[in-house]
Amino acid sequence: MASKALIAARIEARRNIVPLTAEDILTVNRNDLLYRYFHENVTHRPDGTCYEWRPNGRIQLWKTRPTQFRLPIKYGLRGTAQMRDSNVGDFHYASECPVAQLNHLADSRE
């Protein structure tokens, strides 16, 4: 069980999150995109950690609308959603998550 101080530090670290942009998704190599994990900016678990989403299919692009995309993503066993150009700001890369970095520091101290 996480202490109250650790939960408060996780919530404070969420303020330093840099959200994704459509350019971040469109410029990354499509094969690399399949191995990236995303965290959701808006919602989190009661202990302050982020929900982790992973790609569940290939990115869909349109020739007539080059700035729009759709990437199916999955959480857990059954939770699915779509990352689109309209909601991409609600996510950030798991590797750049300040909350996850804080968790690694807390785990190393125990």
PDB file of N, CA and C in Angstrom:
ATOM      1  N   MET A   1       0.843  -1.184   0.000  1.00  0.00           N
ATOM      2  CA  MET A   1       0.000   0.000   0.000  1.00  0.00           C
ATOM      3  C   MET A   1       0.881   1.236   0.000  1.00  0.00           C
ATOM      4  N   ALA A   2       0.570   2.175  -0.834  1.00  0.00           N
ATOM      5  CA  ALA A   2       1.353   3.394  -0.947  1.00  0.00           C
ATOM      6  C   ALA A   2       1.019   4.352   0.200  1.00  0.00           C
ATOM      7  N   SER A   3       2.036   5.057   0.658  1.00  0.00           N
ATOM      8  CA  SER A   3       1.814   6.008   1.737  1.00  0.00           C
ATOM      9  C   SER A   3       1.125   7.258   1.195  1.00  0.00           C
ATOM     10  N   LYS A   4       0.568   8.043   2.096  1.00  0.00           N
ATOM     11  CA  LYS A   4      -0.117   9.275   1.694  1.00  0.00           C
ATOM     12  C   LYS A   4       0.850  10.253   1.052  1.00  0.00           C
ATOM     13  N   ALA A   5       2.085  10.288   1.535  1.00  0.00           N
ATOM     14  CA  ALA A   5       3.082  11.205   0.968  1.00  0.00           C
ATOM     15  C   ALA A   5       3.433  10.808  -0.467  1.00  0.00           C
ATOM     16  N   LEU A   6       3.537   9.498  -0.729  1.00  0.00           N
ATOM     17  CA  LEU A   6       3.851   9.026  -2.075  1.00  0.00           C
ATOM     18  C   LEU A   6       2.697   9.310  -3.032  1.00  0.00           C
ATOM     19  N   ILE A   7       1.466   9.109  -2.575  1.00  0.00           N
ATOM     20  CA  ILE A   7       0.300   9.412  -3.413  1.00  0.00           C
ATOM     21  C   ILE A   7       0.249  10.903  -3.734  1.00  0.00           C
ATOM     22  N   ALA A   8       0.515  11.740  -2.746  1.00  0.00           N
ATOM     23  CA  ALA A   8       0.525  13.186  -2.976  1.00  0.00           C
ATOM     24  C   ALA A   8       1.641  13.578  -3.945  1.00  0.00           C
ATOM     25  N   ALA A   9       2.796  12.922  -3.843  1.00  0.00           N
ATOM     26  CA  ALA A   9       3.897  13.214  -4.766  1.00  0.00           C
ATOM     27  C   ALA A   9       3.558  12.782  -6.179  1.00  0.00           C
ATOM     28  N   ARG A  10       2.847  11.671  -6.335  1.00  0.00           N
ATOM     29  CA  ARG A  10       2.434  11.221  -7.663  1.00  0.00           C
ATOM     30  C   ARG A  10       1.460  12.206  -8.299  1.00  0.00           C
ATOM     31  N   ILE A  11       0.518  12.686  -7.498  1.00  0.00           N
ATOM     32  CA  ILE A  11      -0.453  13.644  -8.025  1.00  0.00           C
ATOM     33  C   ILE A  11       0.242  14.952  -8.394  1.00  0.00           C
ATOM     34  N   GLU A  12       1.210  15.370  -7.603  1.00  0.00           N
ATOM     35  CA  GLU A  12       1.983  16.584  -7.922  1.00  0.00           C
ATOM     36  C   GLU A  12       2.807  16.383  -9.183  1.00  0.00           C
ATOM     37  N   ALA A  13       3.368  15.200  -9.381  1.00  0.00           N
ATOM     38  CA  ALA A  13       4.178  14.926 -10.574  1.00  0.00           C
ATOM     39  C   ALA A  13       3.342  14.952 -11.845  1.00  0.00           C
ATOM     40  N   ARG A  14       2.039  14.702 -11.731  1.00  0.00           N
ATOM     41  CA  ARG A  14       1.169  14.717 -12.907  1.00  0.00           C
ATOM     42  C   ARG A  14       1.099  16.103 -13.535  1.00  0.00           C
ATOM     43  N   ARG A  15       1.417  17.131 -12.787  1.00  0.00           N
ATOM     44  CA  ARG A  15       1.388  18.490 -13.340  1.00  0.00           C
ATOM     45  C   ARG A  15       2.518  18.742 -14.332  1.00  0.00           C
ATOM     46  N   ASN A  16       3.566  17.910 -14.307  1.00  0.00           N
ATOM     47  CA  ASN A  16       4.719  18.073 -15.197  1.00  0.00           C
ATOM     48  C   ASN A  16       4.621  17.229 -16.465  1.00  0.00           C
ATOM     49  N   ILE A  17       3.474  16.654 -16.726  1.00  0.00           N
ATOM     50  CA  ILE A  17       3.304  15.790 -17.897  1.00  0.00           C
ATOM     51  C   ILE A  17       3.252  16.622 -19.167  1.00  0.00           C
ATOM     52  N   VAL A  18       4.010  16.166 -20.170  1.00  0.00           N
ATOM     53  CA  VAL A  18       3.989  16.808 -21.486  1.00  0.00           C
ATOM     54  C   VAL A  18       3.089  15.962 -22.380  1.00  0.00           C
ATOM     55  N   PRO A  19       1.926  16.494 -22.804  1.00  0.00           N
ATOM     56  CA  PRO A  19       1.014  15.686 -23.611  1.00  0.00           C
ATOM     57  C   PRO A  19       1.539  15.463 -25.030  1.00  0.00           C
ATOM     58  N   LEU A  20       1.042  14.406 -25.644  1.00  0.00           N
ATOM     59  CA  LEU A  20       1.402  14.113 -27.028  1.00  0.00           C
ATOM     60  C   LEU A  20       0.723  15.081 -27.981  1.00  0.00           C
ATOM     61  N   THR A  21       1.295  15.227 -29.148  1.00  0.00           N
ATOM     62  CA  THR A  21       0.678  15.989 -30.220  1.00  0.00           C
ATOM     63  C   THR A  21       0.488  15.062 -31.411  1.00  0.00           C
ATOM     64  N   ALA A  22      -0.307  15.495 -32.365  1.00  0.00           N
ATOM     65  CA  ALA A  22      -0.529  14.682 -33.563  1.00  0.00           C
ATOM     66  C   ALA A  22       0.777  14.493 -34.331  1.00  0.00           C
ATOM     67  N   GLU A  23       1.654  15.489 -34.316  1.00  0.00           N
ATOM     68  CA  GLU A  23       2.940  15.373 -35.004  1.00  0.00           C
ATOM     69  C   GLU A  23       3.812  14.283 -34.384  1.00  0.00           C
ATOM     70  N   ASP A  24       3.710  14.111 -33.063  1.00  0.00           N
ATOM     71  CA  ASP A  24       4.474  13.045 -32.397  1.00  0.00           C
ATOM     72  C   ASP A  24       4.083  11.674 -32.929  1.00  0.00           C
ATOM     73  N   ILE A  25       2.801  11.467 -33.132  1.00  0.00           N
ATOM     74  CA  ILE A  25       2.320  10.172 -33.612  1.00  0.00           C
ATOM     75  C   ILE A  25       2.608  10.000 -35.100  1.00  0.00           C
ATOM     76  N   LEU A  26       2.415  11.063 -35.887  1.00  0.00           N
ATOM     77  CA  LEU A  26       2.557  10.944 -37.339  1.00  0.00           C
ATOM     78  C   LEU A  26       4.011  10.853 -37.787  1.00  0.00           C
ATOM     79  N   THR A  27       4.953  11.363 -36.994  1.00  0.00           N
ATOM     80  CA  THR A  27       6.354  11.354 -37.415  1.00  0.00           C
ATOM     81  C   THR A  27       7.122  10.136 -36.931  1.00  0.00           C
ATOM     82  N   VAL A  28       6.574   9.379 -35.993  1.00  0.00           N
ATOM     83  CA  VAL A  28       7.281   8.202 -35.483  1.00  0.00           C
ATOM     84  C   VAL A  28       7.158   7.069 -36.510  1.00  0.00           C
ATOM     85  N   ASN A  29       8.169   6.230 -36.558  1.00  0.00           N
ATOM     86  CA  ASN A  29       8.144   5.069 -37.443  1.00  0.00           C
ATOM     87  C   ASN A  29       6.984   4.161 -37.038  1.00  0.00           C
ATOM     88  N   ARG A  30       6.208   3.701 -37.998  1.00  0.00           N
ATOM     89  CA  ARG A  30       5.014   2.909 -37.678  1.00  0.00           C
ATOM     90  C   ARG A  30       5.349   1.605 -36.970  1.00  0.00           C
ATOM     91  N   ASN A  31       6.483   0.998 -37.276  1.00  0.00           N
ATOM     92  CA  ASN A  31       6.860  -0.228 -36.577  1.00  0.00           C
ATOM     93  C   ASN A  31       7.239   0.056 -35.129  1.00  0.00           C
ATOM     94  N   ASP A  32       7.867   1.201 -34.875  1.00  0.00           N
ATOM     95  CA  ASP A  32       8.204   1.575 -33.501  1.00  0.00           C
ATOM     96  C   ASP A  32       6.953   1.891 -32.687  1.00  0.00           C
ATOM     97  N   LEU A  33       5.917   2.370 -33.347  1.00  0.00           N
ATOM     98  CA  LEU A  33       4.684   2.751 -32.658  1.00  0.00           C
ATOM     99  C   LEU A  33       4.008   1.544 -32.010  1.00  0.00           C
ATOM    100  N   LEU A  34       4.183   0.369 -32.606  1.00  0.00           N
ATOM    101  CA  LEU A  34       3.558  -0.835 -32.058  1.00  0.00           C
ATOM    102  C   LEU A  34       4.163  -1.244 -30.723  1.00  0.00           C
ATOM    103  N   TYR A  35       5.395  -0.820 -30.451  1.00  0.00           N
ATOM    104  CA  TYR A  35       6.080  -1.216 -29.222  1.00  0.00           C
ATOM    105  C   TYR A  35       6.083  -0.113 -28.170  1.00  0.00           C
ATOM    106  N   ARG A  36       5.373   0.961 -28.404  1.00  0.00           N
ATOM    107  CA  ARG A  36       5.309   2.060 -27.443  1.00  0.00           C
ATOM    108  C   ARG A  36       4.079   1.905 -26.563  1.00  0.00           C
ATOM    109  N   TYR A  37       4.229   2.299 -25.330  1.00  0.00           N
ATOM    110  CA  TYR A  37       3.112   2.310 -24.405  1.00  0.00           C
ATOM    111  C   TYR A  37       2.764   3.754 -24.092  1.00  0.00           C
ATOM    112  N   PHE A  38       1.490   3.993 -23.809  1.00  0.00           N
ATOM    113  CA  PHE A  38       1.003   5.335 -23.539  1.00  0.00           C
ATOM    114  C   PHE A  38       0.350   5.354 -22.171  1.00  0.00           C
ATOM    115  N   HIS A  39       0.442   6.490 -21.499  1.00  0.00           N
ATOM    116  CA  HIS A  39      -0.267   6.710 -20.247  1.00  0.00           C
ATOM    117  C   HIS A  39      -1.324   7.769 -20.488  1.00  0.00           C
ATOM    118  N   GLU A  40      -2.407   7.652 -19.767  1.00  0.00           N
ATOM    119  CA  GLU A  40      -3.493   8.614 -19.916  1.00  0.00           C
ATOM    120  C   GLU A  40      -3.278   9.779 -18.954  1.00  0.00           C
ATOM    121  N   ASN A  41      -3.443  10.995 -19.441  1.00  0.00           N
ATOM    122  CA  ASN A  41      -3.225  12.195 -18.623  1.00  0.00           C
ATOM    123  C   ASN A  41      -4.381  12.459 -17.665  1.00  0.00           C
ATOM    124  N   VAL A  42      -5.588  12.197 -18.093  1.00  0.00           N
ATOM    125  CA  VAL A  42      -6.766  12.665 -17.383  1.00  0.00           C
ATOM    126  C   VAL A  42      -7.105  11.783 -16.179  1.00  0.00           C
ATOM    127  N   THR A  43      -7.243  10.492 -16.393  1.00  0.00           N
ATOM    128  CA  THR A  43      -7.650   9.612 -15.297  1.00  0.00           C
ATOM    129  C   THR A  43      -6.456   8.830 -14.772  1.00  0.00           C
ATOM    130  N   HIS A  44      -6.535   8.422 -13.543  1.00  0.00           N
ATOM    131  CA  HIS A  44      -5.482   7.623 -12.922  1.00  0.00           C
ATOM    132  C   HIS A  44      -6.097   6.756 -11.835  1.00  0.00           C
ATOM    133  N   ARG A  45      -5.332   5.802 -11.376  1.00  0.00           N
ATOM    134  CA  ARG A  45      -5.786   4.904 -10.309  1.00  0.00           C
ATOM    135  C   ARG A  45      -5.873   5.670  -8.987  1.00  0.00           C
ATOM    136  N   PRO A  46      -6.571   5.118  -8.010  1.00  0.00           N
ATOM    137  CA  PRO A  46      -6.676   5.807  -6.718  1.00  0.00           C
ATOM    138  C   PRO A  46      -5.334   6.058  -6.032  1.00  0.00           C
ATOM    139  N   ASP A  47      -4.316   5.226  -6.323  1.00  0.00           N
ATOM    140  CA  ASP A  47      -3.017   5.454  -5.694  1.00  0.00           C
ATOM    141  C   ASP A  47      -2.166   6.467  -6.461  1.00  0.00           C
ATOM    142  N   GLY A  48      -2.708   7.065  -7.517  1.00  0.00           N
ATOM    143  CA  GLY A  48      -2.006   8.121  -8.245  1.00  0.00           C
ATOM    144  C   GLY A  48      -1.219   7.646  -9.446  1.00  0.00           C
ATOM    145  N   THR A  49      -1.119   6.347  -9.693  1.00  0.00           N
ATOM    146  CA  THR A  49      -0.385   5.849 -10.860  1.00  0.00           C
ATOM    147  C   THR A  49      -1.252   5.958 -12.109  1.00  0.00           C
ATOM    148  N   CYS A  50      -0.603   5.985 -13.255  1.00  0.00           N
ATOM    149  CA  CYS A  50      -1.291   6.179 -14.532  1.00  0.00           C
ATOM    150  C   CYS A  50      -1.797   4.858 -15.102  1.00  0.00           C
ATOM    151  N   TYR A  51      -2.877   4.936 -15.850  1.00  0.00           N
ATOM    152  CA  TYR A  51      -3.328   3.788 -16.637  1.00  0.00           C
ATOM    153  C   TYR A  51      -2.420   3.652 -17.849  1.00  0.00           C
ATOM    154  N   GLU A  52      -2.037   2.427 -18.166  1.00  0.00           N
ATOM    155  CA  GLU A  52      -1.119   2.188 -19.282  1.00  0.00           C
ATOM    156  C   GLU A  52      -1.877   1.569 -20.456  1.00  0.00           C
ATOM    157  N   TRP A  53      -1.814   2.235 -21.608  1.00  0.00           N
ATOM    158  CA  TRP A  53      -2.461   1.783 -22.829  1.00  0.00           C
ATOM    159  C   TRP A  53      -1.393   1.299 -23.793  1.00  0.00           C
ATOM    160  N   ARG A  54      -1.754   0.335 -24.634  1.00  0.00           N
ATOM    161  CA  ARG A  54      -0.825  -0.149 -25.654  1.00  0.00           C
ATOM    162  C   ARG A  54      -1.552  -0.212 -26.994  1.00  0.00           C
ATOM    163  N   PRO A  55      -0.819  -0.067 -28.096  1.00  0.00           N
ATOM    164  CA  PRO A  55      -1.458  -0.168 -29.417  1.00  0.00           C
ATOM    165  C   PRO A  55      -2.050  -1.562 -29.622  1.00  0.00           C
ATOM    166  N   ASN A  56      -3.205  -1.581 -30.256  1.00  0.00           N
ATOM    167  CA  ASN A  56      -3.924  -2.820 -30.473  1.00  0.00           C
ATOM    168  C   ASN A  56      -4.110  -3.106 -31.963  1.00  0.00           C
ATOM    169  N   GLY A  57      -3.447  -2.373 -32.800  1.00  0.00           N
ATOM    170  CA  GLY A  57      -3.578  -2.528 -34.246  1.00  0.00           C
ATOM    171  C   GLY A  57      -2.704  -1.505 -34.936  1.00  0.00           C
ATOM    172  N   ARG A  58      -2.853  -1.411 -36.232  1.00  0.00           N
ATOM    173  CA  ARG A  58      -2.013  -0.464 -36.958  1.00  0.00           C
ATOM    174  C   ARG A  58      -2.704   0.886 -37.069  1.00  0.00           C
ATOM    175  N   ILE A  59      -1.917   1.897 -37.272  1.00  0.00           N
ATOM    176  CA  ILE A  59      -2.436   3.247 -37.393  1.00  0.00           C
ATOM    177  C   ILE A  59      -3.128   3.391 -38.745  1.00  0.00           C
ATOM    178  N   GLN A  60      -4.256   4.092 -38.753  1.00  0.00           N
ATOM    179  CA  GLN A  60      -4.981   4.333 -39.988  1.00  0.00           C
ATOM    180  C   GLN A  60      -4.793   5.799 -40.368  1.00  0.00           C
ATOM    181  N   LEU A  61      -4.358   6.012 -41.600  1.00  0.00           N
ATOM    182  CA  LEU A  61      -4.134   7.352 -42.130  1.00  0.00           C
ATOM    183  C   LEU A  61      -4.993   7.533 -43.378  1.00  0.00           C
ATOM    184  N   TRP A  62      -5.306   8.778 -43.704  1.00  0.00           N
ATOM    185  CA  TRP A  62      -6.096   9.093 -44.881  1.00  0.00           C
ATOM    186  C   TRP A  62      -5.296   9.979 -45.819  1.00  0.00           C
ATOM    187  N   LYS A  63      -5.384   9.702 -47.122  1.00  0.00           N
ATOM    188  CA  LYS A  63      -4.682  10.527 -48.110  1.00  0.00           C
ATOM    189  C   LYS A  63      -5.329  11.897 -48.246  1.00  0.00           C
ATOM    190  N   THR A  64      -6.647  11.963 -48.114  1.00  0.00           N
ATOM    191  CA  THR A  64      -7.350  13.232 -48.286  1.00  0.00           C
ATOM    192  C   THR A  64      -7.297  14.110 -47.046  1.00  0.00           C
ATOM    193  N   ARG A  65      -6.987  13.503 -45.881  1.00  0.00           N
ATOM    194  CA  ARG A  65      -6.882  14.256 -44.626  1.00  0.00           C
ATOM    195  C   ARG A  65      -5.571  13.867 -43.952  1.00  0.00           C
ATOM    196  N   PRO A  66      -4.451  14.439 -44.377  1.00  0.00           N
ATOM    197  CA  PRO A  66      -3.143  13.973 -43.892  1.00  0.00           C
ATOM    198  C   PRO A  66      -2.869  14.254 -42.416  1.00  0.00           C
ATOM    199  N   THR A  67      -3.605  15.146 -41.789  1.00  0.00           N
ATOM    200  CA  THR A  67      -3.353  15.448 -40.374  1.00  0.00           C
ATOM    201  C   THR A  67      -4.182  14.588 -39.441  1.00  0.00           C
ATOM    202  N   GLN A  68      -5.073  13.769 -39.985  1.00  0.00           N
ATOM    203  CA  GLN A  68      -5.935  12.940 -39.139  1.00  0.00           C
ATOM    204  C   GLN A  68      -5.431  11.504 -39.115  1.00  0.00           C
ATOM    205  N   PHE A  69      -5.633  10.842 -37.988  1.00  0.00           N
ATOM    206  CA  PHE A  69      -5.235   9.449 -37.836  1.00  0.00           C
ATOM    207  C   PHE A  69      -6.140   8.778 -36.820  1.00  0.00           C
ATOM    208  N   ARG A  70      -6.074   7.451 -36.778  1.00  0.00           N
ATOM    209  CA  ARG A  70      -6.795   6.657 -35.794  1.00  0.00           C
ATOM    210  C   ARG A  70      -5.905   5.490 -35.422  1.00  0.00           C
ATOM    211  N   LEU A  71      -5.642   5.348 -34.125  1.00  0.00           N
ATOM    212  CA  LEU A  71      -4.819   4.261 -33.608  1.00  0.00           C
ATOM    213  C   LEU A  71      -5.616   3.515 -32.545  1.00  0.00           C
ATOM    214  N   PRO A  72      -5.967   2.234 -32.794  1.00  0.00           N
ATOM    215  CA  PRO A  72      -6.665   1.483 -31.749  1.00  0.00           C
ATOM    216  C   PRO A  72      -5.723   1.162 -30.594  1.00  0.00           C
ATOM    217  N   ILE A  73      -6.190   1.379 -29.370  1.00  0.00           N
ATOM    218  CA  ILE A  73      -5.368   1.123 -28.186  1.00  0.00           C
ATOM    219  C   ILE A  73      -6.147   0.253 -27.212  1.00  0.00           C
ATOM    220  N   LYS A  74      -5.430  -0.389 -26.301  1.00  0.00           N
ATOM    221  CA  LYS A  74      -6.041  -1.356 -25.390  1.00  0.00           C
ATOM    222  C   LYS A  74      -5.484  -1.167 -23.987  1.00  0.00           C
ATOM    223  N   TYR A  75      -6.358  -1.370 -23.002  1.00  0.00           N
ATOM    224  CA  TYR A  75      -5.970  -1.336 -21.590  1.00  0.00           C
ATOM    225  C   TYR A  75      -6.407  -2.649 -20.956  1.00  0.00           C
ATOM    226  N   GLY A  76      -5.496  -3.341 -20.341  1.00  0.00           N
ATOM    227  CA  GLY A  76      -5.836  -4.596 -19.675  1.00  0.00           C
ATOM    228  C   GLY A  76      -6.262  -5.663 -20.664  1.00  0.00           C
ATOM    229  N   LEU A  77      -7.207  -6.487 -20.274  1.00  0.00           N
ATOM    230  CA  LEU A  77      -7.657  -7.568 -21.142  1.00  0.00           C
ATOM    231  C   LEU A  77      -8.787  -7.162 -22.069  1.00  0.00           C
ATOM    232  N   ARG A  78      -9.671  -6.271 -21.605  1.00  0.00           N
ATOM    233  CA  ARG A  78     -10.859  -5.975 -22.391  1.00  0.00           C
ATOM    234  C   ARG A  78     -11.088  -4.509 -22.703  1.00  0.00           C
ATOM    235  N   GLY A  79     -10.402  -3.616 -22.055  1.00  0.00           N
ATOM    236  CA  GLY A  79     -10.635  -2.198 -22.276  1.00  0.00           C
ATOM    237  C   GLY A  79     -10.020  -1.722 -23.585  1.00  0.00           C
ATOM    238  N   THR A  80     -10.832  -1.192 -24.471  1.00  0.00           N
ATOM    239  CA  THR A  80     -10.336  -0.696 -25.756  1.00  0.00           C
ATOM    240  C   THR A  80     -10.808   0.729 -25.982  1.00  0.00           C
ATOM    241  N   ALA A  81     -10.051   1.444 -26.800  1.00  0.00           N
ATOM    242  CA  ALA A  81     -10.387   2.816 -27.169  1.00  0.00           C
ATOM    243  C   ALA A  81      -9.650   3.135 -28.464  1.00  0.00           C
ATOM    244  N   GLN A  82      -9.778   4.367 -28.900  1.00  0.00           N
ATOM    245  CA  GLN A  82      -9.071   4.820 -30.088  1.00  0.00           C
ATOM    246  C   GLN A  82      -8.379   6.136 -29.778  1.00  0.00           C
ATOM    247  N   MET A  83      -7.118   6.212 -30.159  1.00  0.00           N
ATOM    248  CA  MET A  83      -6.410   7.475 -30.079  1.00  0.00           C
ATOM    249  C   MET A  83      -6.577   8.152 -31.432  1.00  0.00           C
ATOM    250  N   ARG A  84      -7.123   9.337 -31.421  1.00  0.00           N
ATOM    251  CA  ARG A  84      -7.355  10.101 -32.652  1.00  0.00           C
ATOM    252  C   ARG A  84      -6.634  11.436 -32.556  1.00  0.00           C
ATOM    253  N   ASP A  85      -6.647  12.162 -33.651  1.00  0.00           N
ATOM    254  CA  ASP A  85      -6.018  13.476 -33.647  1.00  0.00           C
ATOM    255  C   ASP A  85      -6.746  14.425 -32.693  1.00  0.00           C
ATOM    256  N   SER A  86      -8.004  14.149 -32.385  1.00  0.00           N
ATOM    257  CA  SER A  86      -8.765  15.030 -31.498  1.00  0.00           C
ATOM    258  C   SER A  86      -8.490  14.761 -30.015  1.00  0.00           C
ATOM    259  N   ASN A  87      -8.070  13.544 -29.643  1.00  0.00           N
ATOM    260  CA  ASN A  87      -7.837  13.244 -28.228  1.00  0.00           C
ATOM    261  C   ASN A  87      -6.395  12.860 -27.928  1.00  0.00           C
ATOM    262  N   VAL A  88      -5.483  13.103 -28.850  1.00  0.00           N
ATOM    263  CA  VAL A  88      -4.091  12.699 -28.641  1.00  0.00           C
ATOM    264  C   VAL A  88      -3.452  13.453 -27.472  1.00  0.00           C
ATOM    265  N   GLY A  89      -3.945  14.619 -27.161  1.00  0.00           N
ATOM    266  CA  GLY A  89      -3.420  15.397 -26.043  1.00  0.00           C
ATOM    267  C   GLY A  89      -3.739  14.810 -24.680  1.00  0.00           C
ATOM    268  N   ASP A  90      -4.621  13.812 -24.641  1.00  0.00           N
ATOM    269  CA  ASP A  90      -4.973  13.153 -23.387  1.00  0.00           C
ATOM    270  C   ASP A  90      -3.987  12.055 -23.006  1.00  0.00           C
ATOM    271  N   PHE A  91      -2.929  11.847 -23.818  1.00  0.00           N
ATOM    272  CA  PHE A  91      -1.975  10.771 -23.590  1.00  0.00           C
ATOM    273  C   PHE A  91      -0.552  11.307 -23.590  1.00  0.00           C
ATOM    274  N   HIS A  92       0.360  10.527 -22.991  1.00  0.00           N
ATOM    275  CA  HIS A  92       1.787  10.811 -23.059  1.00  0.00           C
ATOM    276  C   HIS A  92       2.516   9.471 -23.111  1.00  0.00           C
ATOM    277  N   TYR A  93       3.769   9.506 -23.593  1.00  0.00           N
ATOM    278  CA  TYR A  93       4.549   8.277 -23.675  1.00  0.00           C
ATOM    279  C   TYR A  93       4.861   7.761 -22.276  1.00  0.00           C
ATOM    280  N   ALA A  94       4.787   6.454 -22.105  1.00  0.00           N
ATOM    281  CA  ALA A  94       5.082   5.854 -20.805  1.00  0.00           C
ATOM    282  C   ALA A  94       6.542   6.088 -20.413  1.00  0.00           C
ATOM    283  N   SER A  95       7.423   6.153 -21.408  1.00  0.00           N
ATOM    284  CA  SER A  95       8.847   6.356 -21.113  1.00  0.00           C
ATOM    285  C   SER A  95       9.134   7.765 -20.610  1.00  0.00           C
ATOM    286  N   GLU A  96       8.226   8.716 -20.846  1.00  0.00           N
ATOM    287  CA  GLU A  96       8.425  10.104 -20.421  1.00  0.00           C
ATOM    288  C   GLU A  96       7.545  10.485 -19.235  1.00  0.00           C
ATOM    289  N   CYS A  97       7.003   9.503 -18.550  1.00  0.00           N
ATOM    290  CA  CYS A  97       6.049   9.764 -17.474  1.00  0.00           C
ATOM    291  C   CYS A  97       6.774  10.139 -16.176  1.00  0.00           C
ATOM    292  N   PRO A  98       6.511  11.334 -15.627  1.00  0.00           N
ATOM    293  CA  PRO A  98       7.148  11.697 -14.355  1.00  0.00           C
ATOM    294  C   PRO A  98       6.632  10.870 -13.184  1.00  0.00           C
ATOM    295  N   VAL A  99       5.399  10.387 -13.261  1.00  0.00           N
ATOM    296  CA  VAL A  99       4.849   9.557 -12.195  1.00  0.00           C
ATOM    297  C   VAL A  99       5.563   8.206 -12.159  1.00  0.00           C
ATOM    298  N   ALA A 100       5.824   7.626 -13.328  1.00  0.00           N
ATOM    299  CA  ALA A 100       6.537   6.343 -13.391  1.00  0.00           C
ATOM    300  C   ALA A 100       7.968   6.492 -12.885  1.00  0.00           C
ATOM    301  N   GLN A 101       8.605   7.613 -13.209  1.00  0.00           N
ATOM    302  CA  GLN A 101       9.959   7.856 -12.712  1.00  0.00           C
ATOM    303  C   GLN A 101       9.953   7.973 -11.192  1.00  0.00           C
ATOM    304  N   LEU A 102       8.926   8.604 -10.657  1.00  0.00           N
ATOM    305  CA  LEU A 102       8.778   8.720  -9.206  1.00  0.00           C
ATOM    306  C   LEU A 102       8.559   7.343  -8.577  1.00  0.00           C
ATOM    307  N   ASN A 103       7.804   6.477  -9.258  1.00  0.00           N
ATOM    308  CA  ASN A 103       7.570   5.119  -8.759  1.00  0.00           C
ATOM    309  C   ASN A 103       8.864   4.330  -8.701  1.00  0.00           C
ATOM    310  N   HIS A 104       9.724   4.490  -9.727  1.00  0.00           N
ATOM    311  CA  HIS A 104      11.007   3.777  -9.728  1.00  0.00           C
ATOM    312  C   HIS A 104      11.882   4.248  -8.576  1.00  0.00           C
ATOM    313  N   LEU A 105      11.856   5.538  -8.291  1.00  0.00           N
ATOM    314  CA  LEU A 105      12.635   6.049  -7.163  1.00  0.00           C
ATOM    315  C   LEU A 105      12.110   5.492  -5.840  1.00  0.00           C
ATOM    316  N   ALA A 106      10.785   5.434  -5.700  1.00  0.00           N
ATOM    317  CA  ALA A 106      10.191   4.931  -4.459  1.00  0.00           C
ATOM    318  C   ALA A 106      10.492   3.440  -4.305  1.00  0.00           C
ATOM    319  N   ASP A 107      10.472   2.675  -5.406  1.00  0.00           N
ATOM    320  CA  ASP A 107      10.757   1.245  -5.325  1.00  0.00           C
ATOM    321  C   ASP A 107      12.224   0.987  -4.967  1.00  0.00           C
ATOM    322  N   SER A 108      13.117   1.833  -5.473  1.00  0.00           N
ATOM    323  CA  SER A 108      14.534   1.626  -5.187  1.00  0.00           C
ATOM    324  C   SER A 108      14.884   1.955  -3.738  1.00  0.00           C
ATOM    325  N   ARG A 109      14.094   2.807  -3.100  1.00  0.00           N
ATOM    326  CA  ARG A 109      14.356   3.169  -1.696  1.00  0.00           C
ATOM    327  C   ARG A 109      13.862   2.101  -0.729  1.00  0.00           C
ATOM    328  N   GLU A 110      12.916   1.287  -1.152  1.00  0.00           N
ATOM    329  CA  GLU A 110      12.353   0.275  -0.243  1.00  0.00           C
ATOM    330  C   GLU A 110      13.253  -0.893  -0.043  1.00  0.00           C
TER     331      GLU A 110
END
